[in-house]
Amino acid sequence: MKYYIICKKDREKIYLRLNNLIPTRNHFVDSFSVYCPTCASYELFRNNDIIAETETLDISAGAILGGLIGMMISPVGAIIGTMLGSLMTGNFRIRENIAIRRFNRS
C-alpha cells in the first residue's frame, strides 16, 4: 500500500515514504509539513489529507513467477506453479484493497 497527499498548489501527488502498513489515519500525527518538489514549497497537511492506494502488483506477475519456479520441476509443475502464483497474488490484492478501503474511510 502506498500513501500520498495532493499538493495544494499544483494538485500533484506527493508520495510519503512509509515502510509498514498503517491501518488508520489515527496512527499519524495530527499535522505535518511536506515539501513538494514540483512547486518547490512546503505545505502544512493534516492526517485527514493522506490517501492510500494500491501497489502496482499485478496477478500476472505472480503467475509468471510461479510458472518459472514450477518449470524447474516439470511441465506439470509449471502449470501448477502458474495457478498457485496467480491465486496467491490475487489473494494478496484482495486483502490490500480491503485495507485501503478501511484506511481511506478512517
PDB file of N, CA and C in Angstrom:
ATOM      1  N   MET A   1       0.849  -1.157   0.000  1.00  0.00           N
ATOM      2  CA  MET A   1       0.000   0.000   0.000  1.00  0.00           C
ATOM      3  C   MET A   1       0.902   1.229   0.000  1.00  0.00           C
ATOM      4  N   LYS A   2       0.540   2.218  -0.843  1.00  0.00           N
ATOM      5  CA  LYS A   2       1.285   3.464  -0.898  1.00  0.00           C
ATOM      6  C   LYS A   2       0.412   4.589  -0.350  1.00  0.00           C
ATOM      7  N   TYR A   3       1.048   5.543   0.299  1.00  0.00           N
ATOM      8  CA  TYR A   3       0.349   6.677   0.872  1.00  0.00           C
ATOM      9  C   TYR A   3       0.809   7.942   0.173  1.00  0.00           C
ATOM     10  N   TYR A   4      -0.129   8.843  -0.099  1.00  0.00           N
ATOM     11  CA  TYR A   4       0.238  10.102  -0.724  1.00  0.00           C
ATOM     12  C   TYR A   4      -0.683  11.214  -0.256  1.00  0.00           C
ATOM     13  N   ILE A   5      -0.258  12.431  -0.533  1.00  0.00           N
ATOM     14  CA  ILE A   5      -1.078  13.613  -0.327  1.00  0.00           C
ATOM     15  C   ILE A   5      -1.088  14.369  -1.642  1.00  0.00           C
ATOM     16  N   ILE A   6      -2.022  15.271  -1.799  1.00  0.00           N
ATOM     17  CA  ILE A   6      -2.108  16.075  -3.015  1.00  0.00           C
ATOM     18  C   ILE A   6      -1.688  17.492  -2.683  1.00  0.00           C
ATOM     19  N   CYS A   7      -0.702  18.006  -3.426  1.00  0.00           N
ATOM     20  CA  CYS A   7      -0.194  19.352  -3.207  1.00  0.00           C
ATOM     21  C   CYS A   7      -1.325  20.356  -3.390  1.00  0.00           C
ATOM     22  N   LYS A   8      -1.397  21.317  -2.515  1.00  0.00           N
ATOM     23  CA  LYS A   8      -2.474  22.308  -2.550  1.00  0.00           C
ATOM     24  C   LYS A   8      -2.293  23.322  -3.676  1.00  0.00           C
ATOM     25  N   LYS A   9      -1.067  23.488  -4.139  1.00  0.00           N
ATOM     26  CA  LYS A   9      -0.821  24.484  -5.188  1.00  0.00           C
ATOM     27  C   LYS A   9      -0.953  23.917  -6.592  1.00  0.00           C
ATOM     28  N   ASP A  10      -0.276  22.801  -6.872  1.00  0.00           N
ATOM     29  CA  ASP A  10      -0.270  22.299  -8.244  1.00  0.00           C
ATOM     30  C   ASP A  10      -1.032  20.978  -8.428  1.00  0.00           C
ATOM     31  N   ARG A  11      -1.686  20.488  -7.373  1.00  0.00           N
ATOM     32  CA  ARG A  11      -2.538  19.295  -7.409  1.00  0.00           C
ATOM     33  C   ARG A  11      -1.802  18.027  -7.837  1.00  0.00           C
ATOM     34  N   GLU A  12      -0.501  17.964  -7.596  1.00  0.00           N
ATOM     35  CA  GLU A  12       0.300  16.774  -7.902  1.00  0.00           C
ATOM     36  C   GLU A  12       0.334  15.851  -6.686  1.00  0.00           C
ATOM     37  N   LYS A  13       0.465  14.546  -6.950  1.00  0.00           N
ATOM     38  CA  LYS A  13       0.596  13.583  -5.851  1.00  0.00           C
ATOM     39  C   LYS A  13       2.001  13.667  -5.279  1.00  0.00           C
ATOM     40  N   ILE A  14       2.096  13.670  -3.960  1.00  0.00           N
ATOM     41  CA  ILE A  14       3.376  13.598  -3.259  1.00  0.00           C
ATOM     42  C   ILE A  14       3.331  12.326  -2.423  1.00  0.00           C
ATOM     43  N   TYR A  15       4.151  11.349  -2.794  1.00  0.00           N
ATOM     44  CA  TYR A  15       4.144  10.072  -2.096  1.00  0.00           C
ATOM     45  C   TYR A  15       4.936  10.179  -0.798  1.00  0.00           C
ATOM     46  N   LEU A  16       4.389   9.590   0.253  1.00  0.00           N
ATOM     47  CA  LEU A  16       5.039   9.579   1.561  1.00  0.00           C
ATOM     48  C   LEU A  16       5.856   8.306   1.681  1.00  0.00           C
ATOM     49  N   ARG A  17       7.035   8.418   2.212  1.00  0.00           N
ATOM     50  CA  ARG A  17       7.907   7.244   2.361  1.00  0.00           C
ATOM     51  C   ARG A  17       7.617   6.565   3.695  1.00  0.00           C
ATOM     52  N   LEU A  18       6.800   5.544   3.618  1.00  0.00           N
ATOM     53  CA  LEU A  18       6.425   4.774   4.801  1.00  0.00           C
ATOM     54  C   LEU A  18       6.692   3.307   4.491  1.00  0.00           C
ATOM     55  N   ASN A  19       7.309   2.609   5.419  1.00  0.00           N
ATOM     56  CA  ASN A  19       7.716   1.236   5.165  1.00  0.00           C
ATOM     57  C   ASN A  19       6.687   0.196   5.573  1.00  0.00           C
ATOM     58  N   ASN A  20       5.829   0.520   6.500  1.00  0.00           N
ATOM     59  CA  ASN A  20       4.934  -0.520   7.012  1.00  0.00           C
ATOM     60  C   ASN A  20       3.479  -0.159   6.764  1.00  0.00           C
ATOM     61  N   LEU A  21       2.627  -1.148   6.906  1.00  0.00           N
ATOM     62  CA  LEU A  21       1.203  -0.971   6.727  1.00  0.00           C
ATOM     63  C   LEU A  21       0.627  -0.227   7.930  1.00  0.00           C
ATOM     64  N   ILE A  22      -0.005   0.893   7.674  1.00  0.00           N
ATOM     65  CA  ILE A  22      -0.593   1.693   8.745  1.00  0.00           C
ATOM     66  C   ILE A  22      -2.105   1.556   8.623  1.00  0.00           C
ATOM     67  N   PRO A  23      -2.773   0.987   9.632  1.00  0.00           N
ATOM     68  CA  PRO A  23      -4.180   0.633   9.493  1.00  0.00           C
ATOM     69  C   PRO A  23      -5.157   1.815   9.410  1.00  0.00           C
ATOM     70  N   THR A  24      -4.907   2.897  10.142  1.00  0.00           N
ATOM     71  CA  THR A  24      -5.824   4.042  10.115  1.00  0.00           C
ATOM     72  C   THR A  24      -5.041   5.346  10.139  1.00  0.00           C
ATOM     73  N   ARG A  25      -5.738   6.410   9.854  1.00  0.00           N
ATOM     74  CA  ARG A  25      -5.107   7.736   9.880  1.00  0.00           C
ATOM     75  C   ARG A  25      -4.715   8.161  11.293  1.00  0.00           C
ATOM     76  N   ASN A  26      -5.325   7.568  12.297  1.00  0.00           N
ATOM     77  CA  ASN A  26      -5.025   7.931  13.684  1.00  0.00           C
ATOM     78  C   ASN A  26      -3.598   7.598  14.077  1.00  0.00           C
ATOM     79  N   HIS A  27      -2.908   6.778  13.287  1.00  0.00           N
ATOM     80  CA  HIS A  27      -1.525   6.417  13.587  1.00  0.00           C
ATOM     81  C   HIS A  27      -0.539   7.477  13.114  1.00  0.00           C
ATOM     82  N   PHE A  28      -1.026   8.515  12.441  1.00  0.00           N
ATOM     83  CA  PHE A  28      -0.182   9.625  12.012  1.00  0.00           C
ATOM     84  C   PHE A  28      -0.331  10.775  13.004  1.00  0.00           C
ATOM     85  N   VAL A  29       0.622  11.687  12.984  1.00  0.00           N
ATOM     86  CA  VAL A  29       0.498  12.900  13.796  1.00  0.00           C
ATOM     87  C   VAL A  29      -0.621  13.745  13.208  1.00  0.00           C
ATOM     88  N   ASP A  30      -1.148  14.686  13.998  1.00  0.00           N
ATOM     89  CA  ASP A  30      -2.278  15.496  13.540  1.00  0.00           C
ATOM     90  C   ASP A  30      -1.937  16.380  12.347  1.00  0.00           C
ATOM     91  N   SER A  31      -0.776  17.018  12.377  1.00  0.00           N
ATOM     92  CA  SER A  31      -0.384  17.864  11.253  1.00  0.00           C
ATOM     93  C   SER A  31       1.111  17.715  10.993  1.00  0.00           C
ATOM     94  N   PHE A  32       1.499  17.896   9.743  1.00  0.00           N
ATOM     95  CA  PHE A  32       2.890  17.744   9.361  1.00  0.00           C
ATOM     96  C   PHE A  32       3.146  18.574   8.103  1.00  0.00           C
ATOM     97  N   SER A  33       4.389  18.855   7.869  1.00  0.00           N
ATOM     98  CA  SER A  33       4.799  19.655   6.723  1.00  0.00           C
ATOM     99  C   SER A  33       5.476  18.754   5.694  1.00  0.00           C
ATOM    100  N   VAL A  34       5.169  18.986   4.418  1.00  0.00           N
ATOM    101  CA  VAL A  34       5.729  18.182   3.335  1.00  0.00           C
ATOM    102  C   VAL A  34       6.239  19.120   2.248  1.00  0.00           C
ATOM    103  N   TYR A  35       7.397  18.758   1.705  1.00  0.00           N
ATOM    104  CA  TYR A  35       7.993  19.522   0.616  1.00  0.00           C
ATOM    105  C   TYR A  35       7.492  18.979  -0.716  1.00  0.00           C
ATOM    106  N   CYS A  36       7.026  19.857  -1.579  1.00  0.00           N
ATOM    107  CA  CYS A  36       6.586  19.474  -2.920  1.00  0.00           C
ATOM    108  C   CYS A  36       7.708  19.794  -3.906  1.00  0.00           C
ATOM    109  N   PRO A  37       8.276  18.790  -4.547  1.00  0.00           N
ATOM    110  CA  PRO A  37       9.368  19.051  -5.494  1.00  0.00           C
ATOM    111  C   PRO A  37       8.911  19.744  -6.774  1.00  0.00           C
ATOM    112  N   THR A  38       7.635  19.649  -7.114  1.00  0.00           N
ATOM    113  CA  THR A  38       7.146  20.261  -8.340  1.00  0.00           C
ATOM    114  C   THR A  38       7.046  21.781  -8.225  1.00  0.00           C
ATOM    115  N   CYS A  39       6.442  22.251  -7.137  1.00  0.00           N
ATOM    116  CA  CYS A  39       6.295  23.699  -6.974  1.00  0.00           C
ATOM    117  C   CYS A  39       7.322  24.275  -6.007  1.00  0.00           C
ATOM    118  N   ALA A  40       8.201  23.446  -5.467  1.00  0.00           N
ATOM    119  CA  ALA A  40       9.303  23.860  -4.584  1.00  0.00           C
ATOM    120  C   ALA A  40       8.818  24.651  -3.375  1.00  0.00           C
ATOM    121  N   SER A  41       7.819  24.096  -2.693  1.00  0.00           N
ATOM    122  CA  SER A  41       7.316  24.772  -1.500  1.00  0.00           C
ATOM    123  C   SER A  41       6.964  23.749  -0.425  1.00  0.00           C
ATOM    124  N   TYR A  42       6.924  24.215   0.805  1.00  0.00           N
ATOM    125  CA  TYR A  42       6.478  23.393   1.928  1.00  0.00           C
ATOM    126  C   TYR A  42       5.027  23.733   2.215  1.00  0.00           C
ATOM    127  N   GLU A  43       4.245  22.720   2.441  1.00  0.00           N
ATOM    128  CA  GLU A  43       2.840  22.909   2.779  1.00  0.00           C
ATOM    129  C   GLU A  43       2.531  22.154   4.068  1.00  0.00           C
ATOM    130  N   LEU A  44       1.583  22.651   4.811  1.00  0.00           N
ATOM    131  CA  LEU A  44       1.139  22.008   6.040  1.00  0.00           C
ATOM    132  C   LEU A  44      -0.077  21.149   5.713  1.00  0.00           C
ATOM    133  N   PHE A  45      -0.040  19.896   6.142  1.00  0.00           N
ATOM    134  CA  PHE A  45      -1.127  18.957   5.893  1.00  0.00           C
ATOM    135  C   PHE A  45      -1.594  18.355   7.204  1.00  0.00           C
ATOM    136  N   ARG A  46      -2.825  17.856   7.195  1.00  0.00           N
ATOM    137  CA  ARG A  46      -3.372  17.141   8.347  1.00  0.00           C
ATOM    138  C   ARG A  46      -3.433  15.662   8.011  1.00  0.00           C
ATOM    139  N   ASN A  47      -3.605  14.833   9.019  1.00  0.00           N
ATOM    140  CA  ASN A  47      -3.643  13.396   8.747  1.00  0.00           C
ATOM    141  C   ASN A  47      -4.853  12.999   7.904  1.00  0.00           C
ATOM    142  N   ASN A  48      -5.906  13.813   7.861  1.00  0.00           N
ATOM    143  CA  ASN A  48      -7.067  13.519   7.011  1.00  0.00           C
ATOM    144  C   ASN A  48      -6.771  13.735   5.532  1.00  0.00           C
ATOM    145  N   ASP A  49      -5.656  14.395   5.197  1.00  0.00           N
ATOM    146  CA  ASP A  49      -5.287  14.634   3.802  1.00  0.00           C
ATOM    147  C   ASP A  49      -4.583  13.440   3.173  1.00  0.00           C
ATOM    148  N   ILE A  50      -4.203  12.451   3.972  1.00  0.00           N
ATOM    149  CA  ILE A  50      -3.461  11.293   3.466  1.00  0.00           C
ATOM    150  C   ILE A  50      -4.427  10.332   2.773  1.00  0.00           C
ATOM    151  N   ILE A  51      -4.011   9.859   1.601  1.00  0.00           N
ATOM    152  CA  ILE A  51      -4.813   8.923   0.810  1.00  0.00           C
ATOM    153  C   ILE A  51      -3.956   7.682   0.556  1.00  0.00           C
ATOM    154  N   ALA A  52      -4.583   6.527   0.613  1.00  0.00           N
ATOM    155  CA  ALA A  52      -3.884   5.267   0.338  1.00  0.00           C
ATOM    156  C   ALA A  52      -4.283   4.772  -1.046  1.00  0.00           C
ATOM    157  N   GLU A  53      -3.335   4.125  -1.714  1.00  0.00           N
ATOM    158  CA  GLU A  53      -3.627   3.494  -2.991  1.00  0.00           C
ATOM    159  C   GLU A  53      -2.861   2.185  -3.077  1.00  0.00           C
ATOM    160  N   THR A  54      -3.243   1.359  -4.016  1.00  0.00           N
ATOM    161  CA  THR A  54      -2.648   0.046  -4.156  1.00  0.00           C
ATOM    162  C   THR A  54      -1.271   0.121  -4.802  1.00  0.00           C
ATOM    163  N   GLU A  55      -0.456  -0.855  -4.479  1.00  0.00           N
ATOM    164  CA  GLU A  55       0.817  -1.007  -5.175  1.00  0.00           C
ATOM    165  C   GLU A  55       0.516  -1.526  -6.579  1.00  0.00           C
ATOM    166  N   THR A  56       1.460  -1.443  -7.461  1.00  0.00           N
ATOM    167  CA  THR A  56       1.235  -1.898  -8.835  1.00  0.00           C
ATOM    168  C   THR A  56       1.606  -3.367  -8.995  1.00  0.00           C
ATOM    169  N   LEU A  57       1.120  -4.182  -8.075  1.00  0.00           N
ATOM    170  CA  LEU A  57       1.372  -5.616  -8.132  1.00  0.00           C
ATOM    171  C   LEU A  57       0.279  -6.263  -8.982  1.00  0.00           C
ATOM    172  N   ASP A  58       0.668  -6.924 -10.035  1.00  0.00           N
ATOM    173  CA  ASP A  58      -0.278  -7.493 -10.974  1.00  0.00           C
ATOM    174  C   ASP A  58      -0.371  -9.008 -10.754  1.00  0.00           C
ATOM    175  N   ILE A  59      -1.539  -9.560 -11.012  1.00  0.00           N
ATOM    176  CA  ILE A  59      -1.732 -11.002 -10.848  1.00  0.00           C
ATOM    177  C   ILE A  59      -0.854 -11.773 -11.824  1.00  0.00           C
ATOM    178  N   SER A  60      -0.625 -11.219 -13.007  1.00  0.00           N
ATOM    179  CA  SER A  60       0.191 -11.927 -13.998  1.00  0.00           C
ATOM    180  C   SER A  60       1.635 -12.076 -13.532  1.00  0.00           C
ATOM    181  N   ALA A  61       2.124 -11.127 -12.717  1.00  0.00           N
ATOM    182  CA  ALA A  61       3.498 -11.244 -12.204  1.00  0.00           C
ATOM    183  C   ALA A  61       3.627 -12.470 -11.303  1.00  0.00           C
ATOM    184  N   GLY A  62       2.638 -12.699 -10.452  1.00  0.00           N
ATOM    185  CA  GLY A  62       2.652 -13.881  -9.596  1.00  0.00           C
ATOM    186  C   GLY A  62       2.540 -15.164 -10.393  1.00  0.00           C
ATOM    187  N   ALA A  63       1.740 -15.135 -11.457  1.00  0.00           N
ATOM    188  CA  ALA A  63       1.584 -16.315 -12.298  1.00  0.00           C
ATOM    189  C   ALA A  63       2.889 -16.644 -13.022  1.00  0.00           C
ATOM    190  N   ILE A  64       3.551 -15.617 -13.527  1.00  0.00           N
ATOM    191  CA  ILE A  64       4.821 -15.836 -14.236  1.00  0.00           C
ATOM    192  C   ILE A  64       5.881 -16.380 -13.290  1.00  0.00           C
ATOM    193  N   LEU A  65       5.984 -15.765 -12.113  1.00  0.00           N
ATOM    194  CA  LEU A  65       6.972 -16.220 -11.137  1.00  0.00           C
ATOM    195  C   LEU A  65       6.701 -17.662 -10.708  1.00  0.00           C
ATOM    196  N   GLY A  66       5.432 -17.978 -10.419  1.00  0.00           N
ATOM    197  CA  GLY A  66       5.083 -19.343 -10.042  1.00  0.00           C
ATOM    198  C   GLY A  66       5.358 -20.336 -11.159  1.00  0.00           C
ATOM    199  N   GLY A  67       5.086 -19.934 -12.399  1.00  0.00           N
ATOM    200  CA  GLY A  67       5.354 -20.806 -13.539  1.00  0.00           C
ATOM    201  C   GLY A  67       6.834 -21.064 -13.736  1.00  0.00           C
ATOM    202  N   LEU A  68       7.654 -20.022 -13.546  1.00  0.00           N
ATOM    203  CA  LEU A  68       9.104 -20.198 -13.692  1.00  0.00           C
ATOM    204  C   LEU A  68       9.674 -21.116 -12.618  1.00  0.00           C
ATOM    205  N   ILE A  69       9.186 -20.959 -11.398  1.00  0.00           N
ATOM    206  CA  ILE A  69       9.651 -21.833 -10.319  1.00  0.00           C
ATOM    207  C   ILE A  69       9.200 -23.270 -10.576  1.00  0.00           C
ATOM    208  N   GLY A  70       7.938 -23.436 -11.012  1.00  0.00           N
ATOM    209  CA  GLY A  70       7.423 -24.768 -11.291  1.00  0.00           C
ATOM    210  C   GLY A  70       8.092 -25.425 -12.479  1.00  0.00           C
ATOM    211  N   MET A  71       8.589 -24.620 -13.422  1.00  0.00           N
ATOM    212  CA  MET A  71       9.246 -25.160 -14.610  1.00  0.00           C
ATOM    213  C   MET A  71      10.523 -25.907 -14.247  1.00  0.00           C
ATOM    214  N   MET A  72      11.122 -25.540 -13.116  1.00  0.00           N
ATOM    215  CA  MET A  72      12.330 -26.244 -12.687  1.00  0.00           C
ATOM    216  C   MET A  72      12.022 -27.700 -12.319  1.00  0.00           C
ATOM    217  N   ILE A  73      10.779 -27.969 -11.946  1.00  0.00           N
ATOM    218  CA  ILE A  73      10.393 -29.325 -11.558  1.00  0.00           C
ATOM    219  C   ILE A  73       9.963 -30.134 -12.783  1.00  0.00           C
ATOM    220  N   SER A  74       8.945 -29.633 -13.489  1.00  0.00           N
ATOM    221  CA  SER A  74       8.433 -30.330 -14.669  1.00  0.00           C
ATOM    222  C   SER A  74       7.423 -29.426 -15.376  1.00  0.00           C
ATOM    223  N   PRO A  75       6.951 -29.835 -16.552  1.00  0.00           N
ATOM    224  CA  PRO A  75       5.903 -29.051 -17.203  1.00  0.00           C
ATOM    225  C   PRO A  75       4.616 -28.987 -16.378  1.00  0.00           C
ATOM    226  N   VAL A  76       4.295 -30.078 -15.714  1.00  0.00           N
ATOM    227  CA  VAL A  76       3.115 -30.078 -14.837  1.00  0.00           C
ATOM    228  C   VAL A  76       3.353 -29.122 -13.662  1.00  0.00           C
ATOM    229  N   GLY A  77       4.586 -29.098 -13.160  1.00  0.00           N
ATOM    230  CA  GLY A  77       4.933 -28.172 -12.082  1.00  0.00           C
ATOM    231  C   GLY A  77       4.794 -26.728 -12.520  1.00  0.00           C
ATOM    232  N   ALA A  78       5.089 -26.453 -13.789  1.00  0.00           N
ATOM    233  CA  ALA A  78       4.940 -25.095 -14.316  1.00  0.00           C
ATOM    234  C   ALA A  78       3.476 -24.673 -14.324  1.00  0.00           C
ATOM    235  N   ILE A  79       2.602 -25.596 -14.714  1.00  0.00           N
ATOM    236  CA  ILE A  79       1.167 -25.283 -14.729  1.00  0.00           C
ATOM    237  C   ILE A  79       0.650 -25.065 -13.317  1.00  0.00           C
ATOM    238  N   ILE A  80       1.029 -25.955 -12.416  1.00  0.00           N
ATOM    239  CA  ILE A  80       0.594 -25.821 -11.016  1.00  0.00           C
ATOM    240  C   ILE A  80       1.179 -24.553 -10.403  1.00  0.00           C
ATOM    241  N   GLY A  81       2.445 -24.266 -10.680  1.00  0.00           N
ATOM    242  CA  GLY A  81       3.074 -23.045 -10.161  1.00  0.00           C
ATOM    243  C   GLY A  81       2.408 -21.790 -10.682  1.00  0.00           C
ATOM    244  N   THR A  82       2.007 -21.798 -11.949  1.00  0.00           N
ATOM    245  CA  THR A  82       1.297 -20.648 -12.525  1.00  0.00           C
ATOM    246  C   THR A  82      -0.029 -20.423 -11.821  1.00  0.00           C
ATOM    247  N   MET A  83      -0.775 -21.501 -11.596  1.00  0.00           N
ATOM    248  CA  MET A  83      -2.068 -21.367 -10.920  1.00  0.00           C
ATOM    249  C   MET A  83      -1.891 -20.889  -9.479  1.00  0.00           C
ATOM    250  N   LEU A  84      -0.953 -21.486  -8.762  1.00  0.00           N
ATOM    251  CA  LEU A  84      -0.734 -21.092  -7.369  1.00  0.00           C
ATOM    252  C   LEU A  84      -0.217 -19.654  -7.271  1.00  0.00           C
ATOM    253  N   GLY A  85       0.665 -19.265  -8.168  1.00  0.00           N
ATOM    254  CA  GLY A  85       1.182 -17.899  -8.162  1.00  0.00           C
ATOM    255  C   GLY A  85       0.097 -16.868  -8.391  1.00  0.00           C
ATOM    256  N   SER A  86      -0.805 -17.142  -9.343  1.00  0.00           N
ATOM    257  CA  SER A  86      -1.889 -16.194  -9.604  1.00  0.00           C
ATOM    258  C   SER A  86      -2.882 -16.154  -8.449  1.00  0.00           C
ATOM    259  N   LEU A  87      -3.158 -17.309  -7.832  1.00  0.00           N
ATOM    260  CA  LEU A  87      -4.069 -17.334  -6.682  1.00  0.00           C
ATOM    261  C   LEU A  87      -3.492 -16.565  -5.492  1.00  0.00           C
ATOM    262  N   MET A  88      -2.208 -16.761  -5.229  1.00  0.00           N
ATOM    263  CA  MET A  88      -1.585 -16.083  -4.095  1.00  0.00           C
ATOM    264  C   MET A  88      -1.543 -14.574  -4.322  1.00  0.00           C
ATOM    265  N   THR A  89      -1.211 -14.145  -5.534  1.00  0.00           N
ATOM    266  CA  THR A  89      -1.170 -12.721  -5.830  1.00  0.00           C
ATOM    267  C   THR A  89      -2.563 -12.117  -5.765  1.00  0.00           C
ATOM    268  N   GLY A  90      -3.563 -12.837  -6.283  1.00  0.00           N
ATOM    269  CA  GLY A  90      -4.941 -12.354  -6.222  1.00  0.00           C
ATOM    270  C   GLY A  90      -5.433 -12.233  -4.795  1.00  0.00           C
ATOM    271  N   ASN A  91      -5.073 -13.189  -3.932  1.00  0.00           N
ATOM    272  CA  ASN A  91      -5.459 -13.147  -2.524  1.00  0.00           C
ATOM    273  C   ASN A  91      -4.815 -11.947  -1.833  1.00  0.00           C
ATOM    274  N   PHE A  92      -3.540 -11.695  -2.126  1.00  0.00           N
ATOM    275  CA  PHE A  92      -2.858 -10.538  -1.552  1.00  0.00           C
ATOM    276  C   PHE A  92      -3.528  -9.248  -2.002  1.00  0.00           C
ATOM    277  N   ARG A  93      -3.903  -9.180  -3.260  1.00  0.00           N
ATOM    278  CA  ARG A  93      -4.535  -7.977  -3.815  1.00  0.00           C
ATOM    279  C   ARG A  93      -5.883  -7.708  -3.145  1.00  0.00           C
ATOM    280  N   ILE A  94      -6.655  -8.750  -2.890  1.00  0.00           N
ATOM    281  CA  ILE A  94      -7.953  -8.588  -2.228  1.00  0.00           C
ATOM    282  C   ILE A  94      -7.752  -8.037  -0.821  1.00  0.00           C
ATOM    283  N   ARG A  95      -6.801  -8.624  -0.078  1.00  0.00           N
ATOM    284  CA  ARG A  95      -6.538  -8.143   1.282  1.00  0.00           C
ATOM    285  C   ARG A  95      -6.052  -6.702   1.282  1.00  0.00           C
ATOM    286  N   GLU A  96      -5.211  -6.360   0.312  1.00  0.00           N
ATOM    287  CA  GLU A  96      -4.705  -4.990   0.242  1.00  0.00           C
ATOM    288  C   GLU A  96      -5.825  -4.002  -0.079  1.00  0.00           C
ATOM    289  N   ASN A  97      -6.732  -4.373  -0.977  1.00  0.00           N
ATOM    290  CA  ASN A  97      -7.848  -3.476  -1.299  1.00  0.00           C
ATOM    291  C   ASN A  97      -8.767  -3.264  -0.110  1.00  0.00           C
ATOM    292  N   ILE A  98      -8.971  -4.287   0.695  1.00  0.00           N
ATOM    293  CA  ILE A  98      -9.770  -4.146   1.913  1.00  0.00           C
ATOM    294  C   ILE A  98      -9.083  -3.180   2.875  1.00  0.00           C
ATOM    295  N   ALA A  99      -7.765  -3.325   3.032  1.00  0.00           N
ATOM    296  CA  ALA A  99      -7.017  -2.422   3.924  1.00  0.00           C
ATOM    297  C   ALA A  99      -7.044  -0.989   3.408  1.00  0.00           C
ATOM    298  N   ILE A 100      -6.970  -0.806   2.104  1.00  0.00           N
ATOM    299  CA  ILE A 100      -7.010   0.550   1.527  1.00  0.00           C
ATOM    300  C   ILE A 100      -8.377   1.190   1.779  1.00  0.00           C
ATOM    301  N   ARG A 101      -9.441   0.438   1.548  1.00  0.00           N
ATOM    302  CA  ARG A 101     -10.785   0.998   1.813  1.00  0.00           C
ATOM    303  C   ARG A 101     -10.946   1.346   3.290  1.00  0.00           C
ATOM    304  N   ARG A 102     -10.449   0.491   4.174  1.00  0.00           N
ATOM    305  CA  ARG A 102     -10.535   0.754   5.611  1.00  0.00           C
ATOM    306  C   ARG A 102      -9.762   2.020   5.973  1.00  0.00           C
ATOM    307  N   PHE A 103      -8.563   2.170   5.403  1.00  0.00           N
ATOM    308  CA  PHE A 103      -7.749   3.348   5.697  1.00  0.00           C
ATOM    309  C   PHE A 103      -8.410   4.625   5.168  1.00  0.00           C
ATOM    310  N   ASN A 104      -8.864   4.601   3.942  1.00  0.00           N
ATOM    311  CA  ASN A 104      -9.449   5.810   3.338  1.00  0.00           C
ATOM    312  C   ASN A 104     -10.765   6.216   3.987  1.00  0.00           C
ATOM    313  N   ARG A 105     -11.461   5.279   4.634  1.00  0.00           N
ATOM    314  CA  ARG A 105     -12.681   5.617   5.359  1.00  0.00           C
ATOM    315  C   ARG A 105     -12.410   6.114   6.763  1.00  0.00           C
ATOM    316  N   SER A 106     -11.212   5.863   7.293  1.00  0.00           N
ATOM    317  CA  SER A 106     -10.934   6.234   8.691  1.00  0.00           C
ATOM    318  C   SER A 106     -10.744   7.719   8.853  1.00  0.00           C
TER     319      SER A 106
END
